[in-house]
Amino acid sequence: MRIIESDVSLTAQRSFQRERSERVSIRYEAPRPVPNNVDESVSISSAARMIEEQEEAVNNDPRLRMIKSLLEAMLGHEIKLGHQAPDTNKAELQSNTQTTTQIEDGFSIEYHASEQESEQTQFNAEGVIKTADGREISFSSELKLSRSFSQTVDINIATGSAARPKKDPLVLNYDAPVATLSDKTFQFDIDADGKNESLHMLTRGSAYLALDRNRDGKINDGKELFGAQSGNGFADLTQYDGDQNGWIDEADTVYADLKLWLKDASGQDQLLSISQLRIGAISVRYARGDFDLNNQQNQNYGQIRSSGVYLKENGQVGTLQQVDLSV
């Protein structure tokens, strides 16, 4: 082939995207003194000394230093371990408090990193050529190249009091916007191992979604709750979505057996059917979103892990949540 004339156009386009995010959450739970006598007041000087001791413990703990070094090597920059001291009243208080026991300290570190990368290149060629033997050839060609990469790293480390096991049953908020936990506790075998655990009670307006499997009129252990054993109450609930429409409604056989388990002001059990509260359908879909449930002294009672919705017969919407309970 001998080309005597040509008109050729070549083009190329490229796009490249890279996203990276990192999140580090560090929590230190200082040892908490347990008072011996009923006088709970403390002097400001004692409180200040305690704060200094706690801060020194954070900085001198070899476990924390080791984890800090590992994370800094991964992140490529320095991180600070520590905790914020609580505000204290400047007034001097009298105290006769004696302490004999220290509840263990603990710390937890959660590290999350995600990276996404994508690249696309497109090449186009078109033209017309004429050859010495009189031929005219028109041509076009297209080439597309693409690649993508994604990576997620999650590291969770906990020791001491921060490593206390958590159980996460589903809580339905029938007369409250969100689940919260009170200072009061009760005994319940949430992991169904034959031993009772001490759990913080839900505040008014929230109750555990339950299934009275043996139909004895009471909730005996965590096997009759959703998520207490599996760690994902919404996944447990999904197993009963017979028509797979994303809802537990009257078309599903389990609907008539679902109960709300709550305790009244005196601590007595109540078991109500969801139909009694005019709950028409419960969505099995959920969104992950963590939120700590702490008391006024910042002591952790549990953690909201994910949230979903339900519908009442009148069309109103309510929430249900998977709550990790500190055992």
Foldseek 3Di string as FASTA:
>chain_A
DAFDDKDKDKDKDKDKDKDKDKDKDKDKFFWDFDWDDDWPDDFPVVLVVSQVVRQVCCVPPVVNVVVQVVVCVVVVHHDDDDDDRDDDDPDTDDDPTDTDDIQDMKMKMKMKMKMKIKMKMKMKMWMWTAGPVGDIDTDIDMDIDMDMDMDMDIDMDMDGLRPFAWFWFKKFQLPDQDKAFDPDWDWAAAQPPPGTDIATFIDPRMFFKFFPVVPPQDDHYNVGTARRHVVQRLVVVCVQPVVPPQKDFPVTPCQQRIWTWHADPVRDIDIGRVVVSQFGIWGSDKDFDKDFRADPVRHTQWIWTIKGWTAGPVGDIHMMTTIIGRD
